[in-house]
């Protein structure tokens, strides 16, 4: 994610951080609902499969989703928060020509 702190004022950064916080409150529930829908859809597709091989593939996908779900949810939320925070936070950059650190 690109660092946008150089492009926005301090007040804008505050607003963006508030948006991040709101998103982090809403994302877990939305992500859970989406993964529930995916699980349901895989089950429906498996039941409509025209052969047992295809049906087993969908059931395998359901199992994988269920096994890795907690880790996936945690990683998604953590990555979103970290990337958003990094994009809005002031940080120094290195000039590729001189190798010197430049403050925003």
Protein backbone atom coordinates (compact mmCIF):
# COMPACT_ATOMS: atom_id res chain seq x y z
CA UNK A 1 0.00 0.00 0.00
CA UNK A 2 1.30 3.47 -0.84
CA UNK A 3 2.10 5.90 1.95
CA UNK A 4 -0.37 8.75 1.58
CA UNK A 5 0.72 10.76 4.61
CA UNK A 6 2.66 13.16 2.42
CA UNK A 7 -0.49 13.84 0.43
CA UNK A 8 -2.88 14.64 3.26
CA UNK A 9 -2.98 17.07 6.15
CA UNK A 10 -2.83 16.04 9.78
CA UNK A 11 -6.60 16.49 10.09
CA UNK A 12 -7.16 14.28 7.06
CA UNK A 13 -4.90 11.64 8.61
CA UNK A 14 -7.04 11.78 11.75
CA UNK A 15 -10.18 11.25 9.67
CA UNK A 16 -8.56 8.37 7.79
CA UNK A 17 -7.55 6.76 11.08
CA UNK A 18 -11.14 7.07 12.30
CA UNK A 19 -12.30 5.41 9.08
CA UNK A 20 -9.80 2.60 9.67
CA UNK A 21 -11.09 2.11 13.21
CA UNK A 22 -14.69 1.96 11.99
CA UNK A 23 -13.74 -0.52 9.28
CA UNK A 24 -11.90 -2.69 11.81
CA UNK A 25 -15.08 -2.79 13.92
CA UNK A 26 -17.25 -3.78 10.94
CA UNK A 27 -14.92 -6.12 9.05
CA UNK A 28 -15.01 -9.13 11.40
CA UNK A 29 -18.79 -9.46 11.17
CA UNK A 30 -18.85 -8.85 7.42
CA UNK A 31 -16.02 -11.29 6.82
CA UNK A 32 -17.75 -13.93 8.96
CA UNK A 33 -21.00 -13.47 7.03
CA UNK A 34 -19.19 -13.74 3.70
CA UNK A 35 -17.34 -16.90 4.71
CA UNK A 36 -20.62 -18.39 5.97
CA UNK A 37 -22.18 -17.69 2.57
CA UNK A 38 -19.21 -19.29 0.80
CA UNK A 39 -19.53 -22.37 3.00
CA UNK A 40 -23.26 -22.60 2.25
CA UNK A 41 -22.67 -22.13 -1.47
CA UNK A 42 -20.03 -24.87 -1.54
CA UNK A 43 -22.46 -27.22 0.21
CA UNK A 44 -25.25 -26.44 -2.27
CA UNK A 45 -22.94 -26.89 -5.24
CA UNK A 46 -21.64 -30.17 -3.81
CA UNK A 47 -25.19 -31.47 -3.44
CA UNK A 48 -25.92 -30.59 -7.05
CA UNK A 49 -22.71 -32.10 -8.43
CA UNK A 50 -23.21 -34.53 -11.28
CA UNK A 51 -20.66 -37.04 -9.99
CA UNK A 52 -19.03 -38.08 -6.74
CA UNK A 53 -15.58 -36.82 -7.78
CA UNK A 54 -16.85 -33.26 -8.20
CA UNK A 55 -18.92 -33.53 -5.06
CA UNK A 56 -15.85 -34.60 -3.08
CA UNK A 57 -13.87 -31.64 -4.41
CA UNK A 58 -16.49 -29.22 -3.09
CA UNK A 59 -16.63 -31.00 0.25
CA UNK A 60 -12.82 -30.86 0.40
CA UNK A 61 -12.97 -27.12 -0.25
CA UNK A 62 -15.50 -26.77 2.56
CA UNK A 63 -13.22 -28.68 4.92
CA UNK A 64 -10.23 -26.50 3.98
CA UNK A 65 -12.27 -23.36 4.54
CA UNK A 66 -13.40 -24.58 7.95
CA UNK A 67 -9.91 -25.70 9.00
CA UNK A 68 -8.20 -22.47 7.96
CA UNK A 69 -11.03 -20.07 8.67
CA UNK A 70 -9.86 -18.68 12.04
CA UNK A 71 -6.35 -18.11 10.73
CA UNK A 72 -7.66 -16.53 7.53
CA UNK A 73 -9.97 -14.15 9.42
CA UNK A 74 -7.21 -13.10 11.82
CA UNK A 75 -4.65 -12.60 9.05
CA UNK A 76 -7.10 -10.61 6.92
CA UNK A 77 -8.05 -8.23 9.75
CA UNK A 78 -4.43 -7.85 10.92
CA UNK A 79 -3.17 -7.16 7.41
CA UNK A 80 -5.92 -4.65 6.71
CA UNK A 81 -5.18 -2.74 9.92
CA UNK A 82 -1.42 -2.82 9.46
CA UNK A 83 -1.50 -1.79 5.80
CA UNK A 84 -3.96 1.01 6.46
CA UNK A 85 -1.94 2.24 9.44
CA UNK A 86 1.28 2.14 7.42
CA UNK A 87 -0.30 4.04 4.52
CA UNK A 88 -1.51 6.88 6.76
CA UNK A 89 1.38 7.07 9.24
CA UNK A 90 4.24 9.46 8.54
CA UNK A 91 7.42 7.59 7.85
CA UNK A 92 10.77 8.40 6.40
CA UNK A 93 11.77 7.37 2.90
CA UNK A 94 15.14 6.67 1.35
CA UNK A 95 16.25 8.63 -1.71
CA UNK A 96 17.23 6.01 -4.29
CA UNK A 97 19.88 8.29 -5.84
CA UNK A 98 21.67 9.41 -2.67
CA UNK A 99 20.73 6.67 -0.20
CA UNK A 100 19.92 9.36 2.37
CA UNK A 101 16.86 9.21 4.58
CA UNK A 102 14.24 11.86 3.90
CA UNK A 103 11.56 12.79 6.36
CA UNK A 104 8.04 13.41 5.02
